[in-house]
């Protein structure tokens, strides 16, 4: 028997997915990257006016698994309304899977604007941990919690289109933002006391206090 004939044939395809619903500001892009990487798929994900656009290249069975798990395991705050799949005639090859810049050439905004989300248990634990660098920092946030609707100036959802655009990330926050292993990977609201917004308690004429002491002063 010809042993070569026994080897399975892997069909490499490209699926372009248009995902609509509440998929911005909820940690969707980091989730998509993590899932695609786990399944050995290459490509990229980006935000655009109608939701998220995912380009995937890989074995057909892995592409099907991706879509099934995307529905089943989507981030808690996400809400997928629909997934439209296109199979292009020519495959665009990628070296890995990455998060690409948002597509802003669309005129009509139909993506759901994300709502503000209450602090998550992980951030709450950090907030009251004296050994954590965000100890008592009132604007603590991550991909799963924090302000969204109240700071967005335009969509797609990216830091440059929120009030956080005025705050440059410090080295520590930037390292978190860039690391796929960090909980704040690609968190657009990422900040800390060294680089983020600050509290101030003001009278009619001057500043009375700043930082966390401002809360006690106000009380």
C-alpha atoms as a PDB file:
ATOM      1  CA  UNK A   1       0.000   0.000   0.000  1.00  0.00           C
ATOM      2  CA  UNK A   2       1.217   3.494  -0.811  1.00  0.00           C
ATOM      3  CA  UNK A   3       1.924   5.086   2.583  1.00  0.00           C
ATOM      4  CA  UNK A   4       1.824   8.560   1.068  1.00  0.00           C
ATOM      5  CA  UNK A   5      -1.832   8.029   0.259  1.00  0.00           C
ATOM      6  CA  UNK A   6      -2.545   7.407   3.952  1.00  0.00           C
ATOM      7  CA  UNK A   7      -1.400  10.850   5.048  1.00  0.00           C
ATOM      8  CA  UNK A   8      -4.228  13.283   5.802  1.00  0.00           C
ATOM      9  CA  UNK A   9      -4.632  16.268   3.520  1.00  0.00           C
ATOM     10  CA  UNK A  10      -4.838  19.651   5.246  1.00  0.00           C
ATOM     11  CA  UNK A  11      -6.753  22.306   3.338  1.00  0.00           C
ATOM     12  CA  UNK A  12      -5.473  25.812   4.093  1.00  0.00           C
ATOM     13  CA  UNK A  13      -8.122  28.481   3.750  1.00  0.00           C
ATOM     14  CA  UNK A  14      -8.694  32.093   4.663  1.00  0.00           C
ATOM     15  CA  UNK A  15     -11.845  33.215   6.446  1.00  0.00           C
ATOM     16  CA  UNK A  16     -12.644  36.915   6.744  1.00  0.00           C
ATOM     17  CA  UNK A  17     -15.134  37.442   9.563  1.00  0.00           C
ATOM     18  CA  UNK A  18     -17.242  40.540  10.124  1.00  0.00           C
ATOM     19  CA  UNK A  19     -18.387  40.359  13.743  1.00  0.00           C
ATOM     20  CA  UNK A  20     -21.210  42.724  14.723  1.00  0.00           C
ATOM     21  CA  UNK A  21     -22.589  43.584  18.147  1.00  0.00           C
ATOM     22  CA  UNK A  22     -20.977  44.843  21.339  1.00  0.00           C
ATOM     23  CA  UNK A  23     -17.421  43.808  20.504  1.00  0.00           C
ATOM     24  CA  UNK A  24     -15.453  46.983  21.199  1.00  0.00           C
ATOM     25  CA  UNK A  25     -14.195  48.075  24.611  1.00  0.00           C
ATOM     26  CA  UNK A  26     -14.806  44.613  26.087  1.00  0.00           C
ATOM     27  CA  UNK A  27     -11.422  42.925  25.580  1.00  0.00           C
ATOM     28  CA  UNK A  28     -12.578  41.356  22.313  1.00  0.00           C
ATOM     29  CA  UNK A  29      -9.427  41.902  20.244  1.00  0.00           C
ATOM     30  CA  UNK A  30      -7.085  40.386  22.873  1.00  0.00           C
ATOM     31  CA  UNK A  31      -9.497  37.459  23.224  1.00  0.00           C
ATOM     32  CA  UNK A  32      -9.561  36.874  19.452  1.00  0.00           C
ATOM     33  CA  UNK A  33      -5.772  36.983  19.294  1.00  0.00           C
ATOM     34  CA  UNK A  34      -5.424  34.519  22.158  1.00  0.00           C
ATOM     35  CA  UNK A  35      -7.941  32.084  20.653  1.00  0.00           C
ATOM     36  CA  UNK A  36      -6.430  32.258  17.163  1.00  0.00           C
ATOM     37  CA  UNK A  37      -2.916  31.738  18.525  1.00  0.00           C
ATOM     38  CA  UNK A  38      -4.063  28.741  20.580  1.00  0.00           C
ATOM     39  CA  UNK A  39      -5.544  27.149  17.454  1.00  0.00           C
ATOM     40  CA  UNK A  40      -2.421  27.807  15.386  1.00  0.00           C
ATOM     41  CA  UNK A  41      -4.137  30.314  13.080  1.00  0.00           C
ATOM     42  CA  UNK A  42      -2.470  33.376  11.589  1.00  0.00           C
ATOM     43  CA  UNK A  43      -4.008  36.685  10.576  1.00  0.00           C
ATOM     44  CA  UNK A  44      -5.167  39.849  12.291  1.00  0.00           C
ATOM     45  CA  UNK A  45      -8.116  41.513  14.024  1.00  0.00           C
ATOM     46  CA  UNK A  46      -9.157  45.152  13.887  1.00  0.00           C
ATOM     47  CA  UNK A  47     -12.036  47.374  14.953  1.00  0.00           C
ATOM     48  CA  UNK A  48     -14.123  49.242  12.431  1.00  0.00           C
ATOM     49  CA  UNK A  49     -17.452  51.055  12.243  1.00  0.00           C
ATOM     50  CA  UNK A  50     -19.687  47.990  12.284  1.00  0.00           C
ATOM     51  CA  UNK A  51     -17.792  45.929  14.863  1.00  0.00           C
ATOM     52  CA  UNK A  52     -14.662  43.813  14.471  1.00  0.00           C
ATOM     53  CA  UNK A  53     -12.991  42.456  11.348  1.00  0.00           C
ATOM     54  CA  UNK A  54     -11.024  39.209  11.649  1.00  0.00           C
ATOM     55  CA  UNK A  55      -8.762  37.761   8.953  1.00  0.00           C
ATOM     56  CA  UNK A  56      -7.868  34.117   9.656  1.00  0.00           C
ATOM     57  CA  UNK A  57      -5.617  31.705   7.781  1.00  0.00           C
ATOM     58  CA  UNK A  58      -5.214  28.044   8.656  1.00  0.00           C
ATOM     59  CA  UNK A  59      -6.532  24.506   8.419  1.00  0.00           C
ATOM     60  CA  UNK A  60     -10.240  24.255   7.663  1.00  0.00           C
ATOM     61  CA  UNK A  61     -11.081  22.353  10.846  1.00  0.00           C
ATOM     62  CA  UNK A  62      -9.290  24.938  12.984  1.00  0.00           C
ATOM     63  CA  UNK A  63     -11.152  27.766  11.277  1.00  0.00           C
ATOM     64  CA  UNK A  64     -14.445  26.060  12.069  1.00  0.00           C
ATOM     65  CA  UNK A  65     -13.366  25.502  15.687  1.00  0.00           C
ATOM     66  CA  UNK A  66     -12.506  29.185  15.943  1.00  0.00           C
ATOM     67  CA  UNK A  67     -16.005  30.311  14.991  1.00  0.00           C
ATOM     68  CA  UNK A  68     -17.665  27.804  17.318  1.00  0.00           C
ATOM     69  CA  UNK A  69     -15.531  28.876  20.266  1.00  0.00           C
ATOM     70  CA  UNK A  70     -15.883  32.556  19.398  1.00  0.00           C
ATOM     71  CA  UNK A  71     -19.634  32.263  19.994  1.00  0.00           C
ATOM     72  CA  UNK A  72     -19.248  30.048  23.059  1.00  0.00           C
ATOM     73  CA  UNK A  73     -16.327  31.705  24.867  1.00  0.00           C
ATOM     74  CA  UNK A  74     -16.683  35.407  24.004  1.00  0.00           C
ATOM     75  CA  UNK A  75     -15.726  37.872  26.782  1.00  0.00           C
ATOM     76  CA  UNK A  76     -18.322  38.336  29.515  1.00  0.00           C
ATOM     77  CA  UNK A  77     -19.174  41.927  28.552  1.00  0.00           C
ATOM     78  CA  UNK A  78     -19.328  41.164  24.809  1.00  0.00           C
ATOM     79  CA  UNK A  79     -22.492  40.441  22.858  1.00  0.00           C
ATOM     80  CA  UNK A  80     -22.072  39.017  19.376  1.00  0.00           C
ATOM     81  CA  UNK A  81     -25.142  39.649  17.221  1.00  0.00           C
ATOM     82  CA  UNK A  82     -23.865  38.170  13.967  1.00  0.00           C
ATOM     83  CA  UNK A  83     -20.802  36.777  12.200  1.00  0.00           C
ATOM     84  CA  UNK A  84     -20.573  37.067   8.426  1.00  0.00           C
ATOM     85  CA  UNK A  85     -17.943  34.864   6.780  1.00  0.00           C
ATOM     86  CA  UNK A  86     -16.233  35.555   3.472  1.00  0.00           C
ATOM     87  CA  UNK A  87     -13.763  33.151   1.815  1.00  0.00           C
ATOM     88  CA  UNK A  88     -11.532  35.223  -0.483  1.00  0.00           C
ATOM     89  CA  UNK A  89     -10.322  33.737  -3.753  1.00  0.00           C
ATOM     90  CA  UNK A  90      -6.676  34.374  -2.867  1.00  0.00           C
ATOM     91  CA  UNK A  91      -5.092  33.699   0.509  1.00  0.00           C
ATOM     92  CA  UNK A  92      -3.143  36.477   2.205  1.00  0.00           C
ATOM     93  CA  UNK A  93      -0.439  34.849   4.303  1.00  0.00           C
ATOM     94  CA  UNK A  94       0.593  36.151   7.732  1.00  0.00           C
ATOM     95  CA  UNK A  95       3.579  35.250   9.910  1.00  0.00           C
ATOM     96  CA  UNK A  96       1.503  35.222  13.113  1.00  0.00           C
ATOM     97  CA  UNK A  97      -1.741  36.591  14.518  1.00  0.00           C
ATOM     98  CA  UNK A  98      -1.773  40.242  15.558  1.00  0.00           C
ATOM     99  CA  UNK A  99      -4.001  43.166  16.502  1.00  0.00           C
ATOM    100  CA  UNK A 100      -4.054  45.644  13.623  1.00  0.00           C
ATOM    101  CA  UNK A 101      -4.895  49.327  13.548  1.00  0.00           C
ATOM    102  CA  UNK A 102      -8.587  50.148  13.441  1.00  0.00           C
ATOM    103  CA  UNK A 103     -10.255  50.716  10.084  1.00  0.00           C
ATOM    104  CA  UNK A 104     -11.765  54.198  10.051  1.00  0.00           C
ATOM    105  CA  UNK A 105     -12.749  54.598   6.384  1.00  0.00           C
ATOM    106  CA  UNK A 106     -16.378  53.678   7.029  1.00  0.00           C
ATOM    107  CA  UNK A 107     -18.920  56.496   7.188  1.00  0.00           C
ATOM    108  CA  UNK A 108     -21.792  54.867   9.066  1.00  0.00           C
ATOM    109  CA  UNK A 109     -21.349  53.869  12.712  1.00  0.00           C
ATOM    110  CA  UNK A 110     -23.354  50.765  13.595  1.00  0.00           C
ATOM    111  CA  UNK A 111     -21.211  49.133  16.294  1.00  0.00           C
ATOM    112  CA  UNK A 112     -22.644  49.171  19.816  1.00  0.00           C
ATOM    113  CA  UNK A 113     -20.948  51.786  21.982  1.00  0.00           C
ATOM    114  CA  UNK A 114     -19.713  49.914  25.085  1.00  0.00           C
ATOM    115  CA  UNK A 115     -21.177  50.809  28.462  1.00  0.00           C
ATOM    116  CA  UNK A 116     -19.219  51.731  31.593  1.00  0.00           C
ATOM    117  CA  UNK A 117     -18.438  48.575  33.548  1.00  0.00           C
ATOM    118  CA  UNK A 118     -18.121  48.184  37.322  1.00  0.00           C
ATOM    119  CA  UNK A 119     -14.724  47.332  38.776  1.00  0.00           C
ATOM    120  CA  UNK A 120     -13.839  43.651  38.400  1.00  0.00           C
ATOM    121  CA  UNK A 121     -12.700  41.417  41.261  1.00  0.00           C
ATOM    122  CA  UNK A 122      -9.069  41.400  40.075  1.00  0.00           C
ATOM    123  CA  UNK A 123      -8.832  45.205  39.982  1.00  0.00           C
ATOM    124  CA  UNK A 124     -10.646  45.461  43.322  1.00  0.00           C
ATOM    125  CA  UNK A 125      -8.067  43.156  44.869  1.00  0.00           C
ATOM    126  CA  UNK A 126      -5.226  45.269  43.474  1.00  0.00           C
ATOM    127  CA  UNK A 127      -6.879  48.480  44.643  1.00  0.00           C
ATOM    128  CA  UNK A 128      -6.632  47.474  48.312  1.00  0.00           C
ATOM    129  CA  UNK A 129      -3.306  45.645  48.129  1.00  0.00           C
ATOM    130  CA  UNK A 130      -0.579  47.828  49.740  1.00  0.00           C
ATOM    131  CA  UNK A 131       2.030  45.932  47.760  1.00  0.00           C
ATOM    132  CA  UNK A 132       0.438  46.667  44.398  1.00  0.00           C
ATOM    133  CA  UNK A 133       1.581  49.672  42.381  1.00  0.00           C
ATOM    134  CA  UNK A 134      -2.071  50.685  41.851  1.00  0.00           C
ATOM    135  CA  UNK A 135      -2.864  50.662  45.568  1.00  0.00           C
ATOM    136  CA  UNK A 136      -5.714  53.145  46.164  1.00  0.00           C
ATOM    137  CA  UNK A 137      -5.481  54.481  42.627  1.00  0.00           C
ATOM    138  CA  UNK A 138      -9.098  55.562  41.962  1.00  0.00           C
ATOM    139  CA  UNK A 139      -8.953  55.155  38.178  1.00  0.00           C
ATOM    140  CA  UNK A 140      -7.839  51.519  38.179  1.00  0.00           C
ATOM    141  CA  UNK A 141      -9.174  49.581  35.178  1.00  0.00           C
ATOM    142  CA  UNK A 142      -8.478  46.691  32.803  1.00  0.00           C
ATOM    143  CA  UNK A 143      -9.956  45.141  29.646  1.00  0.00           C
ATOM    144  CA  UNK A 144     -12.863  43.730  31.672  1.00  0.00           C
ATOM    145  CA  UNK A 145     -13.890  46.813  33.662  1.00  0.00           C
ATOM    146  CA  UNK A 146     -13.828  50.583  33.897  1.00  0.00           C
ATOM    147  CA  UNK A 147     -15.159  53.603  31.992  1.00  0.00           C
ATOM    148  CA  UNK A 148     -16.091  53.200  28.352  1.00  0.00           C
ATOM    149  CA  UNK A 149     -19.163  55.216  27.312  1.00  0.00           C
ATOM    150  CA  UNK A 150     -18.270  58.152  29.586  1.00  0.00           C
ATOM    151  CA  UNK A 151     -14.874  58.769  27.955  1.00  0.00           C
ATOM    152  CA  UNK A 152     -15.447  57.853  24.297  1.00  0.00           C
ATOM    153  CA  UNK A 153     -15.422  60.722  21.816  1.00  0.00           C
ATOM    154  CA  UNK A 154     -15.752  58.615  18.649  1.00  0.00           C
ATOM    155  CA  UNK A 155     -15.704  55.060  17.399  1.00  0.00           C
ATOM    156  CA  UNK A 156     -13.969  52.706  16.601  1.00  0.00           C
ATOM    157  CA  UNK A 157     -12.886  52.309  20.218  1.00  0.00           C
ATOM    158  CA  UNK A 158      -9.206  53.172  20.604  1.00  0.00           C
ATOM    159  CA  UNK A 159      -7.307  55.278  23.123  1.00  0.00           C
ATOM    160  CA  UNK A 160      -6.803  58.051  20.563  1.00  0.00           C
ATOM    161  CA  UNK A 161     -10.580  58.500  20.391  1.00  0.00           C
ATOM    162  CA  UNK A 162     -11.143  58.692  24.153  1.00  0.00           C
ATOM    163  CA  UNK A 163     -10.290  61.243  26.850  1.00  0.00           C
ATOM    164  CA  UNK A 164      -7.324  58.977  27.727  1.00  0.00           C
ATOM    165  CA  UNK A 165      -5.539  60.277  24.626  1.00  0.00           C
ATOM    166  CA  UNK A 166      -4.080  63.088  26.766  1.00  0.00           C
ATOM    167  CA  UNK A 167      -2.244  60.627  29.019  1.00  0.00           C
ATOM    168  CA  UNK A 168       0.906  58.910  27.738  1.00  0.00           C
ATOM    169  CA  UNK A 169       1.583  55.474  29.183  1.00  0.00           C
ATOM    170  CA  UNK A 170       4.515  55.147  31.568  1.00  0.00           C
ATOM    171  CA  UNK A 171       7.062  52.371  30.966  1.00  0.00           C
ATOM    172  CA  UNK A 172       5.336  49.940  33.339  1.00  0.00           C
ATOM    173  CA  UNK A 173       1.855  50.498  31.879  1.00  0.00           C
ATOM    174  CA  UNK A 174       3.191  50.329  28.333  1.00  0.00           C
ATOM    175  CA  UNK A 175       4.835  46.985  29.086  1.00  0.00           C
ATOM    176  CA  UNK A 176       1.482  45.652  30.346  1.00  0.00           C
ATOM    177  CA  UNK A 177      -0.303  47.032  27.293  1.00  0.00           C
ATOM    178  CA  UNK A 178       2.083  45.309  24.884  1.00  0.00           C
ATOM    179  CA  UNK A 179       2.379  41.933  26.613  1.00  0.00           C
ATOM    180  CA  UNK A 180      -0.132  39.211  25.586  1.00  0.00           C
ATOM    181  CA  UNK A 181       0.510  37.509  28.932  1.00  0.00           C
ATOM    182  CA  UNK A 182      -0.736  40.504  30.921  1.00  0.00           C
ATOM    183  CA  UNK A 183      -4.343  41.038  31.994  1.00  0.00           C
ATOM    184  CA  UNK A 184      -4.127  44.596  30.633  1.00  0.00           C
ATOM    185  CA  UNK A 185      -2.900  43.564  27.185  1.00  0.00           C
ATOM    186  CA  UNK A 186      -4.307  46.125  24.748  1.00  0.00           C
ATOM    187  CA  UNK A 187      -6.388  47.799  27.488  1.00  0.00           C
ATOM    188  CA  UNK A 188      -7.152  51.230  26.032  1.00  0.00           C
ATOM    189  CA  UNK A 189      -7.860  52.763  29.459  1.00  0.00           C
ATOM    190  CA  UNK A 190      -4.680  51.430  31.059  1.00  0.00           C
ATOM    191  CA  UNK A 191      -3.076  53.896  33.495  1.00  0.00           C
ATOM    192  CA  UNK A 192      -1.630  54.248  36.978  1.00  0.00           C
ATOM    193  CA  UNK A 193      -0.810  57.002  39.469  1.00  0.00           C
ATOM    194  CA  UNK A 194       2.419  57.778  37.578  1.00  0.00           C
ATOM    195  CA  UNK A 195       0.861  58.393  34.167  1.00  0.00           C
ATOM    196  CA  UNK A 196      -2.940  58.525  34.418  1.00  0.00           C
ATOM    197  CA  UNK A 197      -5.641  60.947  35.569  1.00  0.00           C
ATOM    198  CA  UNK A 198      -5.359  62.347  39.091  1.00  0.00           C
ATOM    199  CA  UNK A 199      -7.849  63.487  41.723  1.00  0.00           C
ATOM    200  CA  UNK A 200      -7.778  67.048  43.013  1.00  0.00           C
ATOM    201  CA  UNK A 201      -9.906  68.812  45.624  1.00  0.00           C
ATOM    202  CA  UNK A 202     -10.338  72.478  44.723  1.00  0.00           C
ATOM    203  CA  UNK A 203     -11.811  75.502  46.420  1.00  0.00           C
ATOM    204  CA  UNK A 204     -13.083  78.472  44.426  1.00  0.00           C
ATOM    205  CA  UNK A 205      -9.592  79.960  44.404  1.00  0.00           C
ATOM    206  CA  UNK A 206      -6.953  77.235  44.814  1.00  0.00           C
ATOM    207  CA  UNK A 207      -6.159  73.523  45.144  1.00  0.00           C
ATOM    208  CA  UNK A 208      -6.735  72.175  48.649  1.00  0.00           C
ATOM    209  CA  UNK A 209      -5.340  68.664  48.145  1.00  0.00           C
ATOM    210  CA  UNK A 210      -4.592  66.044  45.507  1.00  0.00           C
ATOM    211  CA  UNK A 211      -4.462  62.279  45.111  1.00  0.00           C
ATOM    212  CA  UNK A 212      -6.431  59.899  47.314  1.00  0.00           C
ATOM    213  CA  UNK A 213      -6.410  62.470  50.148  1.00  0.00           C
ATOM    214  CA  UNK A 214      -8.823  64.521  48.055  1.00  0.00           C
ATOM    215  CA  UNK A 215     -11.584  62.013  48.828  1.00  0.00           C
ATOM    216  CA  UNK A 216     -11.106  62.393  52.585  1.00  0.00           C
ATOM    217  CA  UNK A 217     -10.977  66.166  52.249  1.00  0.00           C
ATOM    218  CA  UNK A 218     -14.189  66.205  50.206  1.00  0.00           C
ATOM    219  CA  UNK A 219     -15.969  64.001  52.760  1.00  0.00           C
END
